[in-house]
Protein backbone atom coordinates (compact mmCIF):
# COMPACT_ATOMS: atom_id res chain seq x y z
CA MET A 1 29.40 5.67 -72.97
CA GLY A 2 30.35 8.46 -70.52
CA LYS A 3 33.41 8.10 -68.33
CA MET A 4 31.39 7.87 -65.12
CA ALA A 5 29.11 5.12 -66.60
CA LEU A 6 32.16 3.20 -67.77
CA ILE A 7 33.64 3.40 -64.28
CA LEU A 8 30.38 2.19 -62.83
CA ARG A 9 30.38 -0.81 -65.18
CA PHE A 10 33.93 -1.82 -64.22
CA GLU A 11 33.16 -1.39 -60.58
CA GLN A 12 30.19 -3.79 -60.93
CA LEU A 13 32.35 -6.34 -62.71
CA LEU A 14 35.16 -5.99 -60.13
CA LEU A 15 32.69 -6.31 -57.30
CA PHE A 16 31.27 -9.49 -58.76
CA SER A 17 34.67 -10.92 -59.49
CA LEU A 18 35.80 -10.11 -55.95
CA CYS A 19 32.87 -12.02 -54.53
CA LEU A 20 33.99 -15.10 -56.60
CA THR A 21 37.69 -14.84 -55.83
CA LEU A 22 36.92 -14.70 -52.08
CA VAL A 23 35.52 -18.22 -52.38
CA PRO A 24 38.33 -20.82 -52.04
CA PHE A 25 38.14 -23.75 -54.36
CA GLU A 26 37.06 -27.08 -52.91
CA SER A 27 35.03 -25.34 -50.27
CA ASN A 28 31.58 -24.01 -49.57
CA ALA A 29 30.47 -20.45 -49.13
CA ASP A 30 27.32 -18.33 -49.38
CA LEU A 31 26.69 -15.20 -51.38
CA SER A 32 23.68 -13.11 -50.60
CA LEU A 33 22.22 -9.73 -51.68
CA ILE A 34 19.57 -7.96 -49.64
CA PHE A 35 17.56 -5.00 -50.97
CA GLY A 36 15.64 -3.31 -48.10
CA ASN A 37 13.79 -6.10 -46.37
CA MET A 38 13.90 -8.43 -49.46
CA THR A 39 16.56 -11.12 -50.06
CA LEU A 40 17.21 -11.09 -53.78
CA PHE A 41 19.39 -14.15 -53.78
CA ASN A 42 21.17 -16.46 -51.44
CA VAL A 43 23.45 -18.82 -53.38
CA ASN A 44 25.71 -21.58 -51.96
CA PHE A 45 28.99 -21.98 -53.84
CA LYS A 46 30.57 -25.42 -54.15
CA SER A 47 33.93 -25.47 -56.03
CA PRO A 48 32.75 -23.02 -58.69
CA ALA A 49 35.68 -23.50 -61.10
CA TRP A 50 34.93 -20.07 -62.50
CA LEU A 51 31.30 -20.87 -62.75
CA GLY A 52 31.85 -23.95 -64.83
CA ARG A 53 32.97 -22.12 -67.93
CA SER A 54 36.11 -20.67 -69.51
CA ILE A 55 36.60 -17.22 -70.74
CA PRO A 56 39.63 -17.18 -73.09
CA VAL A 57 41.42 -13.83 -73.25
CA SER A 58 41.80 -13.00 -76.83
CA ASN A 59 40.94 -10.28 -79.36
CA ASN A 60 37.51 -11.73 -79.70
CA VAL A 61 35.82 -12.35 -76.42
CA ARG A 62 34.25 -15.91 -76.29
CA ILE A 63 32.26 -17.57 -73.58
CA ASP A 64 32.33 -21.35 -73.50
CA SER A 65 29.46 -23.03 -71.69
CA ASP A 66 27.12 -25.97 -71.69
CA VAL A 67 24.20 -23.93 -73.03
CA ASP A 68 22.26 -25.39 -75.93
CA PRO A 69 24.03 -24.05 -79.05
CA ASN A 70 20.58 -23.24 -80.50
CA ILE A 71 19.92 -20.90 -77.55
CA LEU A 72 23.34 -19.33 -77.85
CA GLU A 73 22.76 -18.69 -81.55
CA ASP A 74 19.40 -17.01 -80.82
CA SER A 75 21.05 -14.81 -78.19
CA HIS A 76 23.21 -13.29 -80.99
CA LEU A 77 20.71 -13.20 -83.88
CA ASN A 78 18.89 -9.98 -84.45
CA THR A 79 15.07 -9.86 -84.89
CA TYR A 80 15.21 -10.34 -88.63
CA GLY A 81 17.61 -13.30 -88.18
CA LEU A 82 15.39 -14.92 -85.57
CA ILE A 83 12.32 -14.77 -87.79
CA LYS A 84 14.19 -16.12 -90.80
CA LYS A 85 15.92 -18.90 -88.81
CA TYR A 86 12.60 -20.41 -87.80
CA GLY A 87 11.19 -20.40 -91.34
CA TYR A 88 8.94 -17.42 -91.24
CA PRO A 89 8.82 -14.71 -93.95
CA ALA A 90 11.09 -11.92 -92.52
CA GLU A 91 11.25 -8.41 -93.76
CA ASN A 92 12.65 -5.11 -92.31
CA TYR A 93 12.07 -1.52 -93.35
CA THR A 94 13.43 1.91 -92.41
CA VAL A 95 11.00 4.64 -91.42
CA VAL A 96 12.09 8.28 -91.19
CA THR A 97 10.03 10.39 -88.81
CA ASP A 98 9.05 13.96 -89.40
CA ASP A 99 11.72 15.14 -86.91
CA GLY A 100 14.49 13.10 -88.70
CA TYR A 101 14.89 9.85 -86.67
CA LYS A 102 15.48 6.61 -88.55
CA LEU A 103 13.44 3.72 -87.20
CA THR A 104 13.44 0.04 -88.08
CA LEU A 105 10.25 -1.88 -88.58
CA HIS A 106 10.39 -5.71 -88.56
CA ARG A 107 7.71 -7.76 -90.27
CA ILE A 108 6.44 -11.35 -90.31
CA ALA A 109 4.90 -10.86 -93.72
CA ARG A 110 1.43 -12.09 -94.70
CA PRO A 111 0.50 -9.80 -97.59
CA GLY A 112 -3.20 -9.17 -97.95
CA ALA A 113 -3.96 -9.95 -94.29
CA THR A 114 -5.02 -7.41 -91.67
CA PRO A 115 -1.89 -5.68 -90.22
CA VAL A 116 -1.21 -5.72 -86.48
CA LEU A 117 1.47 -3.40 -85.06
CA LEU A 118 3.29 -4.60 -81.87
CA VAL A 119 5.07 -1.99 -79.79
CA HIS A 120 7.57 -2.95 -77.18
CA GLY A 121 8.21 -1.54 -73.70
CA LEU A 122 10.93 0.47 -72.09
CA LEU A 123 14.56 -0.75 -72.68
CA ASP A 124 13.17 -3.32 -75.09
CA SER A 125 12.96 -3.93 -78.86
CA SER A 126 11.01 -5.80 -81.61
CA ALA A 127 12.89 -8.98 -80.54
CA THR A 128 10.71 -9.25 -77.48
CA TRP A 129 7.81 -10.48 -79.64
CA VAL A 130 9.76 -13.41 -81.15
CA MET A 131 12.73 -14.18 -78.94
CA MET A 132 11.00 -17.10 -77.08
CA GLY A 133 10.56 -18.96 -80.32
CA PRO A 134 7.63 -20.45 -82.33
CA GLY A 135 4.75 -21.55 -80.18
CA LYS A 136 5.99 -19.44 -77.32
CA ALA A 137 6.11 -15.89 -78.73
CA LEU A 138 3.15 -13.64 -79.43
CA GLY A 139 4.52 -12.40 -82.79
CA TYR A 140 4.52 -15.93 -84.32
CA LEU A 141 1.17 -16.71 -82.79
CA LEU A 142 -0.44 -13.69 -84.34
CA TYR A 143 0.98 -14.64 -87.73
CA GLU A 144 -0.31 -18.21 -87.43
CA GLN A 145 -3.78 -16.77 -86.59
CA GLY A 146 -3.75 -15.04 -90.04
CA TYR A 147 -2.43 -11.58 -89.29
CA ASP A 148 0.33 -9.58 -91.03
CA VAL A 149 2.62 -8.84 -88.11
CA TRP A 150 4.64 -5.62 -87.85
CA MET A 151 6.98 -4.88 -84.90
CA ALA A 152 8.11 -1.36 -84.06
CA ASN A 153 11.39 -0.06 -82.66
CA VAL A 154 11.26 3.36 -81.04
CA ARG A 155 14.10 5.86 -81.29
CA GLY A 156 17.21 5.16 -79.39
CA ASN A 157 16.88 1.34 -79.10
CA THR A 158 19.21 -1.19 -80.68
CA TYR A 159 17.52 -1.01 -84.11
CA SER A 160 16.64 2.67 -84.31
CA ARG A 161 19.77 4.68 -83.67
CA GLY A 162 19.97 6.74 -86.81
CA HIS A 163 19.09 10.36 -87.64
CA ILE A 164 19.30 12.43 -90.80
CA LYS A 165 21.44 14.98 -89.02
CA TYR A 166 22.87 13.63 -85.72
CA THR A 167 24.79 10.47 -84.76
CA HIS A 168 23.91 8.70 -81.52
CA ASN A 169 27.12 10.13 -80.08
CA HIS A 170 25.53 13.66 -80.18
CA ALA A 171 23.80 14.91 -77.06
CA LYS A 172 21.09 16.43 -79.30
CA TYR A 173 20.21 12.95 -80.56
CA TRP A 174 19.21 11.86 -77.06
CA ASP A 175 16.99 14.88 -76.31
CA PHE A 176 13.80 12.95 -76.22
CA THR A 177 11.46 11.11 -74.03
CA PHE A 178 8.46 8.87 -74.71
CA HIS A 179 6.47 11.96 -75.58
CA GLU A 180 8.34 12.29 -78.90
CA MET A 181 7.78 8.57 -79.49
CA GLY A 182 4.01 9.11 -79.20
CA VAL A 183 4.00 12.24 -81.33
CA HIS A 184 6.40 11.15 -84.03
CA ASP A 185 7.55 7.48 -83.93
CA ILE A 186 4.22 5.63 -83.76
CA PRO A 187 2.30 7.90 -86.17
CA SER A 188 5.14 7.54 -88.73
CA SER A 189 5.18 3.76 -88.25
CA ILE A 190 1.49 3.51 -88.69
CA ASP A 191 1.45 5.63 -91.87
CA PHE A 192 4.26 3.52 -93.37
CA ILE A 193 2.43 0.23 -92.66
CA LEU A 194 -0.86 1.45 -94.04
CA ASN A 195 0.76 2.88 -97.14
CA LYS A 196 2.59 -0.34 -97.71
CA THR A 197 -0.30 -2.72 -97.15
CA GLY A 198 -3.13 -0.58 -98.60
CA PHE A 199 -5.27 -1.10 -95.52
CA PRO A 200 -7.06 1.89 -93.91
CA GLN A 201 -6.66 0.66 -90.35
CA LEU A 202 -4.57 -1.78 -88.23
CA HIS A 203 -4.64 -3.62 -84.85
CA TYR A 204 -2.35 -2.27 -82.12
CA VAL A 205 -0.79 -4.23 -79.34
CA GLY A 206 1.34 -2.41 -76.90
CA HIS A 207 3.29 -3.53 -73.81
CA SER A 208 4.16 -1.15 -70.97
CA GLN A 209 5.82 1.89 -72.57
CA GLY A 210 4.17 0.70 -75.84
CA THR A 211 0.87 1.68 -74.21
CA VAL A 212 2.16 4.98 -72.92
CA VAL A 213 3.16 6.12 -76.46
CA PHE A 214 -0.34 5.19 -77.72
CA TRP A 215 -2.10 7.33 -75.08
CA ILE A 216 0.19 10.17 -76.11
CA MET A 217 -0.47 9.73 -79.76
CA GLY A 218 -4.24 9.81 -78.98
CA SER A 219 -3.80 12.91 -76.81
CA GLU A 220 -1.60 14.89 -79.17
CA ARG A 221 -2.55 13.55 -82.57
CA PRO A 222 -6.16 12.34 -82.21
CA GLU A 223 -6.67 12.03 -85.91
CA TYR A 224 -4.73 8.70 -85.73
CA MET A 225 -7.44 7.14 -83.59
CA LYS A 226 -9.46 6.56 -86.85
CA LYS A 227 -6.52 4.37 -88.13
CA ILE A 228 -6.86 1.90 -85.22
CA ILE A 229 -9.16 -1.09 -85.35
CA TYR A 230 -8.50 -2.07 -81.79
CA MET A 231 -5.84 -1.22 -79.19
CA GLN A 232 -4.91 -4.04 -76.74
CA ALA A 233 -2.88 -2.80 -73.85
CA LEU A 234 -0.63 -5.32 -72.02
CA ALA A 235 0.47 -4.03 -68.59
CA PRO A 236 -0.87 -0.55 -69.37
CA VAL A 237 1.00 2.39 -67.87
CA ALA A 238 -0.06 6.00 -67.49
CA TYR A 239 -0.39 6.65 -63.74
CA LEU A 240 2.38 5.42 -61.49
CA GLN A 241 1.02 6.63 -58.16
CA HIS A 242 0.98 3.12 -56.58
CA CYS A 243 4.12 1.77 -58.41
CA LYS A 244 6.09 -0.72 -56.34
CA SER A 245 9.17 -0.98 -58.58
CA PRO A 246 12.26 0.01 -56.54
CA VAL A 247 13.91 1.18 -59.68
CA VAL A 248 11.13 3.57 -60.70
CA ASN A 249 10.62 4.76 -57.07
CA PHE A 250 14.34 5.48 -56.78
CA LEU A 251 14.20 7.57 -60.03
CA ALA A 252 11.32 9.48 -58.56
CA GLU A 253 13.11 10.24 -55.27
CA VAL A 254 16.41 11.36 -56.81
CA HIS A 255 15.40 12.59 -60.27
CA SER A 256 16.65 16.19 -59.80
CA SER A 257 20.12 15.20 -58.57
CA VAL A 258 20.49 12.37 -61.10
CA SER A 259 19.52 14.75 -63.90
CA PHE A 260 22.10 17.27 -62.88
CA ILE A 261 24.86 14.75 -62.50
CA LEU A 262 24.13 12.98 -65.88
CA LYS A 263 24.10 16.34 -67.68
CA LEU A 264 27.29 17.40 -65.98
CA ILE A 265 29.25 14.33 -67.15
CA GLY A 266 27.51 14.08 -70.50
CA VAL A 267 25.72 10.72 -70.05
CA HIS A 268 22.67 10.82 -72.33
CA GLU A 269 21.98 7.08 -72.98
CA PHE A 270 20.66 4.76 -70.30
CA LEU A 271 21.82 1.09 -70.39
CA PRO A 272 23.09 0.92 -73.95
CA GLN A 273 23.58 -2.54 -75.46
CA ASN A 274 27.25 -3.31 -76.32
CA GLU A 275 29.56 -6.37 -76.41
CA PHE A 276 30.83 -5.94 -72.91
CA ILE A 277 27.38 -5.64 -71.31
CA VAL A 278 25.95 -8.50 -73.39
CA MET A 279 28.95 -10.71 -72.40
CA PHE A 280 28.63 -9.85 -68.73
CA ASN A 281 24.91 -10.41 -68.72
CA GLN A 282 25.33 -13.80 -70.50
CA LEU A 283 28.03 -14.80 -68.05
CA ILE A 284 25.74 -14.52 -65.00
CA CYS A 285 22.49 -15.53 -66.80
CA ASP A 286 23.53 -18.84 -68.14
CA GLU A 287 21.14 -21.43 -66.86
CA THR A 288 24.01 -23.90 -66.23
CA THR A 289 25.63 -21.65 -63.59
CA ILE A 290 24.82 -20.89 -59.95
CA THR A 291 24.48 -17.25 -60.83
CA LYS A 292 21.27 -17.92 -62.74
CA GLU A 293 19.34 -17.09 -59.57
CA ILE A 294 21.04 -13.69 -59.35
CA CYS A 295 20.01 -12.90 -62.88
CA SER A 296 16.37 -13.82 -62.56
CA ASN A 297 15.85 -12.01 -59.26
CA VAL A 298 17.45 -8.82 -60.56
CA ILE A 299 14.91 -8.94 -63.36
CA PHE A 300 12.15 -9.57 -60.82
CA LEU A 301 13.32 -6.60 -58.77
CA THR A 302 11.95 -4.16 -61.34
CA THR A 303 8.81 -6.02 -62.38
CA GLY A 304 7.52 -8.24 -59.65
CA PHE A 305 8.56 -11.76 -58.56
CA ASP A 306 7.18 -14.78 -60.45
CA LYS A 307 9.70 -17.56 -60.85
CA SER A 308 7.28 -20.10 -62.19
CA GLN A 309 6.51 -18.10 -65.28
CA LEU A 310 10.12 -17.35 -66.28
CA ASN A 311 11.63 -19.82 -68.66
CA GLU A 312 15.13 -19.69 -67.19
CA THR A 313 16.55 -21.79 -70.10
CA MET A 314 15.91 -18.73 -72.22
CA LEU A 315 17.72 -16.21 -70.01
CA PRO A 316 20.77 -16.06 -72.31
CA VAL A 317 18.47 -15.08 -75.19
CA VAL A 318 16.69 -12.44 -73.03
CA VAL A 319 19.98 -10.76 -71.99
CA GLY A 320 21.28 -11.09 -75.56
CA HIS A 321 18.50 -8.64 -76.66
CA ALA A 322 17.88 -6.55 -73.57
CA PRO A 323 18.36 -3.97 -72.29
CA ALA A 324 18.16 -2.34 -75.73
CA GLY A 325 18.82 1.31 -74.65
CA ALA A 326 16.90 4.42 -73.79
CA SER A 327 17.59 7.99 -73.18
CA THR A 328 18.31 9.24 -69.72
CA LYS A 329 15.67 11.89 -70.26
CA GLN A 330 13.16 9.05 -70.90
CA MET A 331 14.02 7.46 -67.52
CA GLN A 332 13.73 10.85 -65.77
CA HIS A 333 10.25 11.29 -67.28
CA PHE A 334 9.07 7.96 -65.73
CA GLY A 335 10.45 9.15 -62.44
CA GLN A 336 8.54 12.39 -62.81
CA LEU A 337 5.29 10.50 -63.43
CA ARG A 338 5.81 8.52 -60.30
CA ARG A 339 6.67 11.60 -58.23
CA SER A 340 3.75 13.65 -59.44
CA GLY A 341 1.15 10.98 -59.67
CA ALA A 342 -0.06 12.60 -62.86
CA PHE A 343 0.15 11.59 -66.48
CA ARG A 344 1.68 14.65 -68.05
CA GLN A 345 4.48 16.03 -70.22
CA PHE A 346 8.15 16.41 -69.15
CA ASP A 347 8.74 18.78 -66.34
CA TYR A 348 11.61 21.16 -67.15
CA GLY A 349 11.25 23.30 -64.05
CA TRP A 350 8.91 26.23 -63.61
CA LEU A 351 10.97 28.71 -65.73
CA ARG A 352 11.44 26.50 -68.72
CA ASN A 353 7.96 25.14 -68.34
CA HIS A 354 6.58 28.62 -68.68
CA TRP A 355 8.67 29.15 -71.78
CA ARG A 356 7.72 25.83 -73.40
CA TYR A 357 4.13 25.37 -72.21
CA ASN A 358 3.11 28.81 -71.14
CA SER A 359 2.47 27.29 -67.67
CA ILE A 360 4.73 26.68 -64.70
CA THR A 361 3.59 23.07 -64.58
CA PRO A 362 3.61 20.58 -67.51
CA PRO A 363 0.22 20.04 -69.23
CA GLU A 364 -1.54 16.74 -68.58
CA TYR A 365 -2.15 14.45 -71.50
CA LYS A 366 -5.68 14.54 -72.82
CA LEU A 367 -6.83 10.92 -72.43
CA GLU A 368 -10.34 11.94 -73.48
CA ASN A 369 -8.99 12.15 -77.04
CA VAL A 370 -8.10 8.42 -77.09
CA GLN A 371 -11.28 7.49 -78.94
CA ALA A 372 -10.13 4.12 -80.34
CA LYS A 373 -11.56 0.93 -78.86
CA VAL A 374 -9.30 -0.19 -76.00
CA ALA A 375 -8.73 -3.46 -74.11
CA LEU A 376 -6.78 -3.32 -70.78
CA TYR A 377 -5.03 -6.38 -69.49
CA TYR A 378 -3.28 -6.20 -66.20
CA GLY A 379 -1.78 -8.36 -63.45
CA GLU A 380 -2.09 -8.37 -59.66
CA ASN A 381 1.66 -8.81 -59.13
CA ASP A 382 2.84 -6.20 -61.67
CA TRP A 383 4.91 -3.74 -59.70
CA LEU A 384 4.95 -1.21 -62.55
CA ALA A 385 1.33 -1.30 -63.73
CA GLN A 386 -0.49 -1.71 -60.44
CA PRO A 387 -4.20 -2.60 -60.67
CA SER A 388 -5.33 0.53 -58.86
CA ASP A 389 -3.39 2.69 -61.36
CA VAL A 390 -4.79 0.71 -64.35
CA GLU A 391 -8.30 1.13 -62.94
CA ALA A 392 -7.71 4.84 -62.60
CA LEU A 393 -6.56 4.93 -66.22
CA SER A 394 -9.74 3.14 -67.39
CA LEU A 395 -11.86 5.87 -65.83
CA HIS A 396 -10.12 8.49 -68.05
CA LEU A 397 -10.31 6.49 -71.33
CA PRO A 398 -13.60 7.06 -73.23
CA ASN A 399 -13.83 3.78 -75.12
CA VAL A 400 -12.67 0.88 -72.99
CA VAL A 401 -14.53 -2.23 -74.41
CA SER A 402 -12.70 -4.91 -72.30
CA GLN A 403 -10.87 -4.87 -69.03
CA HIS A 404 -9.31 -8.04 -67.71
CA LEU A 405 -7.31 -8.86 -64.57
CA VAL A 406 -5.27 -11.96 -65.39
CA ASN A 407 -6.56 -14.90 -63.32
CA TYR A 408 -3.23 -15.76 -61.84
CA PRO A 409 -2.10 -13.77 -58.71
CA LYS A 410 1.64 -13.90 -59.38
CA PHE A 411 1.43 -12.61 -62.96
CA ASN A 412 4.00 -9.79 -63.30
CA HIS A 413 5.02 -7.13 -65.82
CA LEU A 414 7.13 -9.40 -68.11
CA ASP A 415 4.76 -12.42 -68.03
CA PHE A 416 2.61 -10.62 -70.52
CA ILE A 417 5.31 -11.15 -73.15
CA TRP A 418 7.56 -13.91 -71.84
CA GLY A 419 5.36 -15.91 -69.47
CA VAL A 420 5.51 -19.73 -69.87
CA ASP A 421 1.71 -19.92 -69.67
CA ALA A 422 0.94 -16.55 -71.24
CA ARG A 423 -1.05 -18.12 -74.03
CA GLU A 424 -3.46 -19.96 -71.73
CA LEU A 425 -3.66 -17.15 -69.15
CA LEU A 426 -3.98 -14.23 -71.61
CA TRP A 427 -3.15 -14.55 -75.30
CA ASP A 428 -6.02 -16.83 -76.23
CA ARG A 429 -8.39 -14.23 -74.78
CA MET A 430 -6.63 -11.46 -76.69
CA LEU A 431 -7.00 -13.41 -79.92
CA SER A 432 -10.65 -14.11 -79.28
CA ASN A 433 -11.24 -10.44 -78.70
CA MET A 434 -9.44 -9.52 -81.94
CA LYS A 435 -11.43 -11.98 -83.97
CA SER A 436 -14.71 -10.64 -82.37
CA ILE A 437 -13.78 -7.10 -83.32
CA ASP A 438 -12.83 -8.18 -86.86
CA ARG A 439 -16.24 -9.88 -87.28
CA GLU A 440 -17.98 -6.85 -85.90
CA GLN A 441 -16.13 -4.55 -88.36
CA LEU A 442 -16.82 -6.86 -91.27
CA GLY A 443 -20.53 -6.76 -90.42
CA ASP A 444 -20.42 -2.92 -90.24
CA ASN A 445 -18.74 -2.75 -93.66
CA LEU A 446 -21.35 -5.04 -95.24
CA THR A 447 -24.21 -2.98 -93.95
CA ALA A 448 -22.62 0.35 -94.74
């Protein structure tokens, strides 16, 4: 972590601690945070006693709380450990991309069954597909429906921080955006899975950035479209012209100055996961404390507000696995998409663009090359993947076979993977579509 980032982390902790110490014991007080014209939280403190938990100062940081021990355990287990704990066949593999990055693939193994590849979103990991537990997570549901479930981890996240030449402490390691993920990470993962299973094709399910990298793979490596049975896009992102997320909009407004400062101080990783950050997140996201509302509303600030679909009991598990890290260049690229309104490659400035692209502006991705069958699922309250932007995307994709706006007005960006009622509102429809495509393909094979 760079010096400036470390200072910012301590400033955040000190500010939060100061808010607490200003509240006298055996008294009432209010703590509010307002962003623009929105009140993110308004909490009434009553004799907090350090939020009802103790934090012993020792060599090994420990947080004592009243949280279910089972949930605490899940917050510390990795993806492989979660799958194994709940009695499912867990496997993990290392994939080396053609540009030297070492990626981890997790698997809920059902040998001989049709493989499905799940690709997570920004600042996320393979854990997102299983962390809510059996009966509540899409990864387990797909396995129970008879699929061989594979879960990707793109470069730079918790599980994919290796390289044949560089360590993650080298600036060169972090010189990537989601472009390289689409060109290298996803094709390499697909090839590995198909070679391992002996199948010629697989299903693909992507969430958020997991859809972005698919469009890029289709644009830049269209030969891979023949390896896809069906692509199901949850909260699909390409165009961000109508994005409402304050975080992305902030990156769009200040991307040039932020880029310069980050390069100057040598900060190349954005929101890395480490013990201090996990501890601090779990401190304020424990469902037994008054700060739970702060935690949930900070999450909503990025994605859209939908309190009823967030299982707050599972917040310690969520913050135990996310954020999972990304490159600062990756974040800049999202800001550029918002600022330009176009779906195009990274903008290096007119001089370097001319050197790299032979054009003063970055080339737009060729969505017409995405020939695989695609289903688009989107939500009205998704601040990142706004319906108007998804509909614009659908006009550029040549083979959209299903397009569905979730029939719940408050459905937000994270409800697609963590929503309490996600199965009834969305996943059952997805599974039905997958089975229909499988039957259609089986019929085609029999008549061929």
